[in-house]
N, C-alpha and C. Protein backbone atom coordinates (compact mmCIF):
# COMPACT_ATOMS: atom_id res chain seq x y z
N UNK A 1 52.01 -4.89 -60.40
CA UNK A 1 52.72 -5.73 -59.46
C UNK A 1 53.58 -6.78 -60.18
N UNK A 2 53.34 -7.01 -61.44
CA UNK A 2 54.17 -7.95 -62.20
C UNK A 2 55.57 -7.34 -62.37
N UNK A 3 56.58 -8.17 -62.15
CA UNK A 3 57.96 -7.69 -62.27
C UNK A 3 58.35 -7.65 -63.74
N UNK A 4 59.12 -6.64 -64.11
CA UNK A 4 59.55 -6.51 -65.50
C UNK A 4 61.00 -6.97 -65.68
N UNK A 5 61.87 -6.58 -64.74
CA UNK A 5 63.28 -6.94 -64.91
C UNK A 5 63.55 -8.36 -64.44
N UNK A 6 64.54 -8.99 -65.06
CA UNK A 6 64.89 -10.37 -64.74
C UNK A 6 65.97 -10.39 -63.66
N UNK A 7 65.80 -11.30 -62.71
CA UNK A 7 66.83 -11.54 -61.70
C UNK A 7 67.55 -12.83 -62.09
N UNK A 8 68.64 -13.12 -61.39
CA UNK A 8 69.37 -14.35 -61.63
C UNK A 8 68.45 -15.56 -61.43
N UNK A 9 67.58 -15.49 -60.44
CA UNK A 9 66.62 -16.58 -60.18
C UNK A 9 65.76 -16.83 -61.43
N UNK A 10 65.25 -15.75 -62.02
CA UNK A 10 64.39 -15.89 -63.21
C UNK A 10 65.19 -16.44 -64.39
N UNK A 11 66.44 -16.01 -64.53
CA UNK A 11 67.28 -16.53 -65.62
C UNK A 11 67.52 -18.03 -65.46
N UNK A 12 67.73 -18.48 -64.23
CA UNK A 12 67.92 -19.92 -63.97
C UNK A 12 66.65 -20.68 -64.35
N UNK A 13 65.50 -20.17 -63.93
CA UNK A 13 64.22 -20.83 -64.24
C UNK A 13 63.96 -20.83 -65.74
N UNK A 14 64.24 -19.70 -66.41
CA UNK A 14 64.06 -19.62 -67.87
C UNK A 14 64.94 -20.66 -68.57
N UNK A 15 66.18 -20.77 -68.13
CA UNK A 15 67.13 -21.70 -68.76
C UNK A 15 66.66 -23.15 -68.61
N UNK A 16 65.99 -23.45 -67.50
CA UNK A 16 65.50 -24.81 -67.25
C UNK A 16 64.07 -24.99 -67.75
N UNK A 17 63.51 -23.93 -68.38
CA UNK A 17 62.16 -23.96 -68.92
C UNK A 17 61.12 -24.31 -67.83
N UNK A 18 61.29 -23.68 -66.68
CA UNK A 18 60.35 -23.87 -65.56
C UNK A 18 59.42 -22.66 -65.50
N UNK A 19 58.12 -22.93 -65.50
CA UNK A 19 57.12 -21.86 -65.48
C UNK A 19 57.09 -21.19 -64.11
N UNK A 20 56.97 -19.86 -64.13
CA UNK A 20 56.84 -19.09 -62.89
C UNK A 20 56.17 -17.77 -63.21
N UNK A 21 55.69 -17.12 -62.16
CA UNK A 21 55.18 -15.74 -62.26
C UNK A 21 56.04 -14.91 -61.33
N UNK A 22 56.34 -13.68 -61.74
CA UNK A 22 57.13 -12.81 -60.87
C UNK A 22 56.29 -11.63 -60.43
N UNK A 23 56.58 -11.15 -59.24
CA UNK A 23 55.85 -10.04 -58.64
C UNK A 23 56.85 -9.09 -58.01
N UNK A 24 56.57 -7.80 -58.13
CA UNK A 24 57.44 -6.84 -57.45
C UNK A 24 56.58 -5.89 -56.63
N UNK A 25 57.19 -5.35 -55.61
CA UNK A 25 56.53 -4.40 -54.72
C UNK A 25 57.63 -3.47 -54.22
N UNK A 26 57.24 -2.42 -53.53
CA UNK A 26 58.24 -1.45 -53.08
C UNK A 26 59.29 -2.14 -52.21
N UNK A 27 60.54 -2.04 -52.63
CA UNK A 27 61.63 -2.71 -51.92
C UNK A 27 61.85 -2.07 -50.56
N UNK A 28 61.66 -2.86 -49.52
CA UNK A 28 61.89 -2.40 -48.16
C UNK A 28 62.49 -3.57 -47.39
N UNK A 29 63.80 -3.51 -47.09
CA UNK A 29 64.44 -4.64 -46.41
C UNK A 29 63.89 -4.89 -45.00
N UNK A 30 63.10 -3.95 -44.48
CA UNK A 30 62.52 -4.14 -43.15
C UNK A 30 61.17 -4.83 -43.18
N UNK A 31 60.63 -5.07 -44.37
CA UNK A 31 59.34 -5.77 -44.46
C UNK A 31 59.50 -7.19 -43.92
N UNK A 32 58.53 -7.60 -43.14
CA UNK A 32 58.53 -8.98 -42.63
C UNK A 32 57.80 -9.87 -43.64
N UNK A 33 58.05 -11.14 -43.54
CA UNK A 33 57.42 -12.09 -44.44
C UNK A 33 55.91 -12.03 -44.44
N UNK A 34 55.34 -11.83 -43.24
CA UNK A 34 53.89 -11.74 -43.14
C UNK A 34 53.36 -10.53 -43.92
N UNK A 35 54.12 -9.43 -43.89
CA UNK A 35 53.72 -8.22 -44.62
C UNK A 35 53.82 -8.45 -46.13
N UNK A 36 54.83 -9.18 -46.55
CA UNK A 36 54.98 -9.50 -47.98
C UNK A 36 53.82 -10.38 -48.44
N UNK A 37 53.44 -11.37 -47.63
CA UNK A 37 52.29 -12.22 -47.97
C UNK A 37 51.03 -11.37 -48.11
N UNK A 38 50.86 -10.38 -47.24
CA UNK A 38 49.69 -9.50 -47.31
C UNK A 38 49.72 -8.67 -48.60
N UNK A 39 50.89 -8.16 -48.97
CA UNK A 39 51.02 -7.39 -50.21
C UNK A 39 50.64 -8.27 -51.41
N UNK A 40 51.08 -9.53 -51.37
CA UNK A 40 50.79 -10.48 -52.46
C UNK A 40 49.34 -10.99 -52.39
N UNK A 41 48.65 -10.67 -51.28
CA UNK A 41 47.29 -11.18 -51.02
C UNK A 41 47.29 -12.71 -51.05
N UNK A 42 48.29 -13.28 -50.37
CA UNK A 42 48.46 -14.74 -50.36
C UNK A 42 48.40 -15.28 -48.94
N UNK A 43 48.00 -16.54 -48.86
CA UNK A 43 47.98 -17.29 -47.62
C UNK A 43 49.42 -17.37 -47.08
N UNK A 44 49.59 -17.14 -45.78
CA UNK A 44 50.92 -17.21 -45.16
C UNK A 44 51.60 -18.56 -45.40
N UNK A 45 50.81 -19.61 -45.52
CA UNK A 45 51.36 -20.96 -45.70
C UNK A 45 51.94 -21.18 -47.09
N UNK A 46 51.72 -20.23 -48.01
CA UNK A 46 52.20 -20.38 -49.38
C UNK A 46 53.43 -19.52 -49.67
N UNK A 47 53.77 -18.62 -48.74
CA UNK A 47 54.90 -17.71 -48.94
C UNK A 47 56.02 -18.17 -48.01
N UNK A 48 57.18 -18.49 -48.62
CA UNK A 48 58.28 -19.07 -47.86
C UNK A 48 59.48 -18.14 -47.84
N UNK A 49 60.24 -18.23 -46.75
CA UNK A 49 61.49 -17.47 -46.62
C UNK A 49 62.66 -18.44 -46.67
N UNK A 50 63.82 -17.93 -47.02
CA UNK A 50 65.02 -18.73 -47.16
C UNK A 50 66.01 -18.33 -46.07
N UNK A 51 66.41 -19.29 -45.27
CA UNK A 51 67.33 -19.04 -44.16
C UNK A 51 68.62 -19.82 -44.38
N UNK A 52 69.74 -19.20 -44.09
CA UNK A 52 71.04 -19.86 -44.26
C UNK A 52 71.66 -20.06 -42.87
N UNK A 53 72.11 -21.28 -42.64
CA UNK A 53 72.62 -21.66 -41.32
C UNK A 53 74.00 -22.32 -41.46
N UNK A 54 74.65 -22.50 -40.31
CA UNK A 54 75.91 -23.23 -40.29
C UNK A 54 75.84 -24.27 -39.17
N UNK A 55 76.30 -25.46 -39.50
CA UNK A 55 76.34 -26.52 -38.50
C UNK A 55 77.63 -26.46 -37.70
N UNK A 56 77.68 -27.24 -36.63
CA UNK A 56 78.87 -27.30 -35.78
C UNK A 56 80.10 -27.71 -36.60
N UNK A 57 79.88 -28.48 -37.67
CA UNK A 57 80.96 -28.95 -38.55
C UNK A 57 81.49 -27.85 -39.47
N UNK A 58 80.87 -26.66 -39.42
CA UNK A 58 81.18 -25.51 -40.29
C UNK A 58 80.59 -25.68 -41.70
N UNK A 59 79.75 -26.69 -41.91
CA UNK A 59 79.02 -26.85 -43.18
C UNK A 59 77.84 -25.89 -43.17
N UNK A 60 77.48 -25.39 -44.35
CA UNK A 60 76.32 -24.50 -44.47
C UNK A 60 75.11 -25.28 -44.95
N UNK A 61 73.94 -24.86 -44.48
CA UNK A 61 72.67 -25.48 -44.85
C UNK A 61 71.65 -24.38 -45.10
N UNK A 62 70.74 -24.65 -46.04
CA UNK A 62 69.68 -23.71 -46.38
C UNK A 62 68.35 -24.33 -45.97
N UNK A 63 67.50 -23.50 -45.36
CA UNK A 63 66.16 -23.94 -44.95
C UNK A 63 65.13 -23.01 -45.56
N UNK A 64 64.09 -23.59 -46.17
CA UNK A 64 63.02 -22.82 -46.81
C UNK A 64 61.76 -23.15 -46.03
N UNK A 65 61.23 -22.10 -45.34
CA UNK A 65 60.10 -22.33 -44.43
C UNK A 65 59.04 -21.25 -44.61
N UNK A 66 57.79 -21.53 -44.20
CA UNK A 66 56.75 -20.51 -44.30
C UNK A 66 57.16 -19.24 -43.54
N UNK A 67 56.80 -18.08 -44.10
CA UNK A 67 57.25 -16.79 -43.55
C UNK A 67 56.81 -16.55 -42.11
N UNK A 68 55.72 -17.15 -41.69
CA UNK A 68 55.22 -16.88 -40.34
C UNK A 68 55.70 -17.90 -39.31
N UNK A 69 56.59 -18.78 -39.71
CA UNK A 69 57.10 -19.82 -38.81
C UNK A 69 58.55 -19.53 -38.45
N UNK A 70 59.00 -20.21 -37.40
CA UNK A 70 60.40 -20.10 -36.97
C UNK A 70 61.08 -21.44 -37.21
N UNK A 71 62.34 -21.37 -37.62
CA UNK A 71 63.13 -22.59 -37.79
C UNK A 71 63.38 -23.20 -36.42
N UNK A 72 63.11 -24.49 -36.28
CA UNK A 72 63.40 -25.22 -35.04
C UNK A 72 64.84 -25.72 -35.17
N UNK A 73 65.76 -25.10 -34.44
CA UNK A 73 67.18 -25.42 -34.58
C UNK A 73 67.50 -26.87 -34.19
N UNK A 74 66.74 -27.43 -33.26
CA UNK A 74 66.96 -28.84 -32.87
C UNK A 74 66.56 -29.77 -34.02
N UNK A 75 65.37 -29.51 -34.62
CA UNK A 75 64.94 -30.33 -35.75
C UNK A 75 65.90 -30.14 -36.93
N UNK A 76 66.37 -28.90 -37.14
CA UNK A 76 67.30 -28.62 -38.24
C UNK A 76 68.60 -29.41 -38.04
N UNK A 77 69.11 -29.42 -36.82
CA UNK A 77 70.33 -30.16 -36.53
C UNK A 77 70.11 -31.66 -36.78
N UNK A 78 68.95 -32.16 -36.37
CA UNK A 78 68.66 -33.58 -36.53
C UNK A 78 68.63 -33.99 -38.01
N UNK A 79 67.93 -33.20 -38.86
CA UNK A 79 67.82 -33.58 -40.28
C UNK A 79 69.15 -33.45 -41.03
N UNK A 80 70.04 -32.59 -40.52
CA UNK A 80 71.34 -32.42 -41.19
C UNK A 80 72.39 -33.36 -40.62
N UNK A 81 72.09 -33.99 -39.49
CA UNK A 81 73.07 -34.86 -38.85
C UNK A 81 74.12 -34.08 -38.07
N UNK A 82 73.84 -32.82 -37.79
CA UNK A 82 74.76 -31.96 -37.04
C UNK A 82 74.45 -32.03 -35.54
N UNK A 83 75.47 -31.73 -34.73
CA UNK A 83 75.23 -31.63 -33.28
C UNK A 83 74.41 -30.38 -32.98
N UNK A 84 74.68 -29.31 -33.72
CA UNK A 84 73.93 -28.06 -33.53
C UNK A 84 73.96 -27.26 -34.83
N UNK A 85 73.00 -26.35 -34.95
CA UNK A 85 72.85 -25.48 -36.12
C UNK A 85 72.65 -24.06 -35.59
N UNK A 86 73.26 -23.09 -36.26
CA UNK A 86 73.01 -21.68 -35.89
C UNK A 86 72.84 -20.87 -37.17
N UNK A 87 72.11 -19.77 -37.04
CA UNK A 87 71.92 -18.85 -38.17
C UNK A 87 73.26 -18.19 -38.48
N UNK A 88 73.53 -17.94 -39.76
CA UNK A 88 74.76 -17.20 -40.08
C UNK A 88 74.51 -15.72 -39.82
N UNK A 89 75.58 -14.97 -39.69
CA UNK A 89 75.45 -13.52 -39.49
C UNK A 89 75.00 -12.88 -40.80
N UNK A 90 74.12 -11.88 -40.70
CA UNK A 90 73.58 -11.20 -41.88
C UNK A 90 74.68 -10.71 -42.81
N UNK A 91 75.76 -10.20 -42.26
CA UNK A 91 76.82 -9.63 -43.08
C UNK A 91 77.55 -10.70 -43.91
N UNK A 92 77.42 -11.98 -43.54
CA UNK A 92 78.07 -13.08 -44.29
C UNK A 92 77.23 -13.53 -45.48
N UNK A 93 75.95 -13.15 -45.51
CA UNK A 93 75.01 -13.69 -46.49
C UNK A 93 75.41 -13.40 -47.94
N UNK A 94 75.74 -12.15 -48.24
CA UNK A 94 76.03 -11.76 -49.63
C UNK A 94 77.25 -12.51 -50.18
N UNK A 95 78.35 -12.54 -49.43
CA UNK A 95 79.56 -13.20 -49.94
C UNK A 95 79.35 -14.71 -50.08
N UNK A 96 78.52 -15.28 -49.23
CA UNK A 96 78.28 -16.72 -49.25
C UNK A 96 77.30 -17.14 -50.34
N UNK A 97 76.19 -16.39 -50.49
CA UNK A 97 75.11 -16.82 -51.38
C UNK A 97 74.97 -15.98 -52.65
N UNK A 98 75.46 -14.73 -52.60
CA UNK A 98 75.24 -13.80 -53.70
C UNK A 98 73.96 -13.01 -53.50
N UNK A 99 73.28 -13.22 -52.38
CA UNK A 99 72.03 -12.53 -52.10
C UNK A 99 72.14 -11.71 -50.82
N UNK A 100 71.32 -10.64 -50.74
CA UNK A 100 71.28 -9.82 -49.53
C UNK A 100 70.10 -10.26 -48.66
N UNK A 101 70.14 -9.86 -47.38
CA UNK A 101 69.04 -10.15 -46.46
C UNK A 101 67.75 -9.56 -47.03
N UNK A 102 66.70 -10.36 -47.04
CA UNK A 102 65.42 -9.90 -47.58
C UNK A 102 65.27 -10.22 -49.06
N UNK A 103 66.35 -10.68 -49.69
CA UNK A 103 66.31 -11.03 -51.11
C UNK A 103 66.96 -12.37 -51.38
N UNK A 104 67.06 -13.19 -50.35
CA UNK A 104 67.73 -14.49 -50.48
C UNK A 104 66.76 -15.52 -51.03
N UNK A 105 67.18 -16.22 -52.08
CA UNK A 105 66.36 -17.24 -52.71
C UNK A 105 67.07 -18.58 -52.66
N UNK A 106 66.33 -19.68 -52.58
CA UNK A 106 66.97 -20.99 -52.61
C UNK A 106 67.46 -21.37 -54.02
N UNK A 107 67.09 -20.55 -55.01
CA UNK A 107 67.46 -20.81 -56.41
C UNK A 107 68.60 -19.89 -56.81
N UNK A 108 69.64 -20.45 -57.43
CA UNK A 108 70.69 -19.63 -58.02
C UNK A 108 71.71 -19.06 -57.05
N UNK A 109 71.93 -19.72 -55.92
CA UNK A 109 72.97 -19.25 -55.00
C UNK A 109 74.34 -19.46 -55.65
N UNK A 110 75.34 -18.69 -55.17
CA UNK A 110 76.71 -18.80 -55.68
C UNK A 110 77.24 -20.23 -55.63
N UNK A 111 76.95 -20.91 -54.52
CA UNK A 111 77.38 -22.29 -54.32
C UNK A 111 76.14 -23.13 -54.05
N UNK A 112 76.28 -24.43 -54.20
CA UNK A 112 75.17 -25.33 -53.89
C UNK A 112 75.32 -25.80 -52.45
N UNK A 113 74.27 -25.60 -51.68
CA UNK A 113 74.26 -26.04 -50.28
C UNK A 113 73.15 -27.06 -50.10
N UNK A 114 73.31 -27.96 -49.13
CA UNK A 114 72.25 -28.90 -48.83
C UNK A 114 71.04 -28.08 -48.37
N UNK A 115 69.90 -28.29 -49.01
CA UNK A 115 68.72 -27.46 -48.80
C UNK A 115 67.55 -28.31 -48.31
N UNK A 116 66.86 -27.78 -47.31
CA UNK A 116 65.69 -28.44 -46.74
C UNK A 116 64.49 -27.51 -46.85
N UNK A 117 63.35 -28.07 -47.22
CA UNK A 117 62.12 -27.29 -47.27
C UNK A 117 61.14 -27.91 -46.29
N UNK A 118 60.40 -27.05 -45.59
CA UNK A 118 59.48 -27.58 -44.58
C UNK A 118 58.43 -28.48 -45.22
N UNK A 119 58.08 -29.54 -44.50
CA UNK A 119 57.15 -30.56 -45.02
C UNK A 119 55.76 -30.01 -45.34
N UNK A 120 55.41 -28.82 -44.83
CA UNK A 120 54.11 -28.24 -45.16
C UNK A 120 54.00 -27.96 -46.67
N UNK A 121 55.14 -27.97 -47.38
CA UNK A 121 55.13 -27.79 -48.83
C UNK A 121 54.31 -28.88 -49.52
N UNK A 122 54.21 -30.04 -48.88
CA UNK A 122 53.45 -31.16 -49.45
C UNK A 122 51.96 -30.85 -49.57
N UNK A 123 51.50 -29.83 -48.82
CA UNK A 123 50.07 -29.49 -48.81
C UNK A 123 49.71 -28.38 -49.81
N UNK A 124 50.70 -27.85 -50.52
CA UNK A 124 50.41 -26.74 -51.43
C UNK A 124 50.96 -27.03 -52.83
N UNK A 125 50.22 -26.57 -53.83
CA UNK A 125 50.65 -26.79 -55.22
C UNK A 125 51.62 -25.73 -55.70
N UNK A 126 51.40 -24.47 -55.25
CA UNK A 126 52.26 -23.37 -55.70
C UNK A 126 52.85 -22.67 -54.49
N UNK A 127 54.07 -22.18 -54.66
CA UNK A 127 54.81 -21.59 -53.57
C UNK A 127 55.43 -20.27 -54.03
N UNK A 128 55.52 -19.33 -53.11
CA UNK A 128 56.21 -18.06 -53.37
C UNK A 128 57.53 -18.08 -52.63
N UNK A 129 58.59 -17.67 -53.32
CA UNK A 129 59.90 -17.46 -52.68
C UNK A 129 60.50 -16.19 -53.27
N UNK A 130 61.55 -15.71 -52.64
CA UNK A 130 62.21 -14.51 -53.15
C UNK A 130 62.73 -14.75 -54.56
N UNK A 131 62.62 -13.73 -55.38
CA UNK A 131 63.15 -13.79 -56.75
C UNK A 131 64.63 -13.39 -56.76
N UNK A 132 65.22 -13.24 -55.58
CA UNK A 132 66.65 -12.95 -55.51
C UNK A 132 66.98 -11.48 -55.34
N UNK A 133 65.97 -10.68 -55.08
CA UNK A 133 66.16 -9.25 -54.89
C UNK A 133 65.08 -8.75 -53.93
N UNK A 134 65.45 -7.82 -53.05
CA UNK A 134 64.46 -7.23 -52.15
C UNK A 134 63.37 -6.58 -53.00
N UNK A 135 62.11 -6.87 -52.68
CA UNK A 135 60.99 -6.29 -53.43
C UNK A 135 60.53 -7.14 -54.60
N UNK A 136 61.06 -8.37 -54.71
CA UNK A 136 60.63 -9.24 -55.81
C UNK A 136 60.41 -10.67 -55.31
N UNK A 137 59.30 -11.26 -55.75
CA UNK A 137 58.95 -12.63 -55.41
C UNK A 137 58.60 -13.38 -56.68
N UNK A 138 58.76 -14.70 -56.63
CA UNK A 138 58.28 -15.53 -57.73
C UNK A 138 57.32 -16.57 -57.17
N UNK A 139 56.37 -16.96 -58.01
CA UNK A 139 55.45 -18.05 -57.68
C UNK A 139 55.71 -19.16 -58.69
N UNK A 140 55.90 -20.37 -58.19
CA UNK A 140 56.10 -21.51 -59.07
C UNK A 140 55.51 -22.75 -58.43
N UNK A 141 55.44 -23.83 -59.19
CA UNK A 141 54.92 -25.09 -58.66
C UNK A 141 55.86 -25.58 -57.56
N UNK A 142 55.30 -26.02 -56.46
CA UNK A 142 56.10 -26.50 -55.33
C UNK A 142 57.07 -27.59 -55.77
N UNK A 143 56.58 -28.52 -56.60
CA UNK A 143 57.45 -29.62 -57.05
C UNK A 143 58.62 -29.10 -57.88
N UNK A 144 58.40 -28.04 -58.65
CA UNK A 144 59.49 -27.46 -59.44
C UNK A 144 60.55 -26.84 -58.54
N UNK A 145 60.12 -26.16 -57.48
CA UNK A 145 61.08 -25.58 -56.54
C UNK A 145 61.90 -26.69 -55.89
N UNK A 146 61.23 -27.74 -55.44
CA UNK A 146 61.92 -28.87 -54.80
C UNK A 146 62.97 -29.44 -55.74
N UNK A 147 62.59 -29.61 -57.02
CA UNK A 147 63.51 -30.17 -58.01
C UNK A 147 64.69 -29.24 -58.28
N UNK A 148 64.41 -27.98 -58.60
CA UNK A 148 65.48 -27.07 -59.02
C UNK A 148 66.43 -26.70 -57.89
N UNK A 149 65.90 -26.60 -56.66
CA UNK A 149 66.75 -26.23 -55.53
C UNK A 149 67.31 -27.48 -54.81
N UNK A 150 66.93 -28.66 -55.31
CA UNK A 150 67.44 -29.89 -54.70
C UNK A 150 67.04 -30.03 -53.24
N UNK A 151 65.77 -29.67 -52.96
CA UNK A 151 65.32 -29.65 -51.57
C UNK A 151 65.03 -31.05 -51.02
N UNK A 152 65.41 -31.23 -49.77
CA UNK A 152 64.97 -32.38 -48.99
C UNK A 152 63.76 -31.90 -48.20
N UNK A 153 62.69 -32.67 -48.20
CA UNK A 153 61.47 -32.26 -47.49
C UNK A 153 61.54 -32.82 -46.07
N UNK A 154 61.38 -31.93 -45.08
CA UNK A 154 61.47 -32.35 -43.68
C UNK A 154 60.69 -31.37 -42.80
N UNK A 155 60.26 -31.86 -41.64
CA UNK A 155 59.59 -31.00 -40.65
C UNK A 155 60.68 -30.27 -39.89
N UNK A 156 60.83 -28.96 -40.15
CA UNK A 156 61.92 -28.19 -39.54
C UNK A 156 61.45 -26.93 -38.82
N UNK A 157 60.14 -26.77 -38.63
CA UNK A 157 59.66 -25.56 -37.96
C UNK A 157 59.17 -25.87 -36.55
N UNK A 158 59.13 -24.82 -35.71
CA UNK A 158 58.64 -24.97 -34.33
C UNK A 158 57.16 -25.22 -34.33
């Protein structure tokens, strides 16, 4: 289950000398976050997904939340100072972030976007996020993810 090949996410972490573990599993873009947590044999509260949104102002925002939770669009709008927030279309993800659906990571996106991580991160020492490719995850210290991805910690889930 240990990943052998390096993704852009891993190269970014290596360059910053941030410790992480990588994991790979059969790449299936239809796998849900809960299924990935089960494959990793991890608590759902420790495995996070990365969502990309757009505010009414046309600014983009990234939200990192536990895989079994839903983004609360009202809370998301409030923390960003937007009137409203909506999910971007799946087909826009690759050109905007450099990642495909199911392989989107808050680390190493093409551009830097204001990023928010759900406040439940404060309760866990280590977190899993996508390694930037479908079928690959990384585990790292929660504080390292917050630092490297420039996350603002906020309550953004339903």
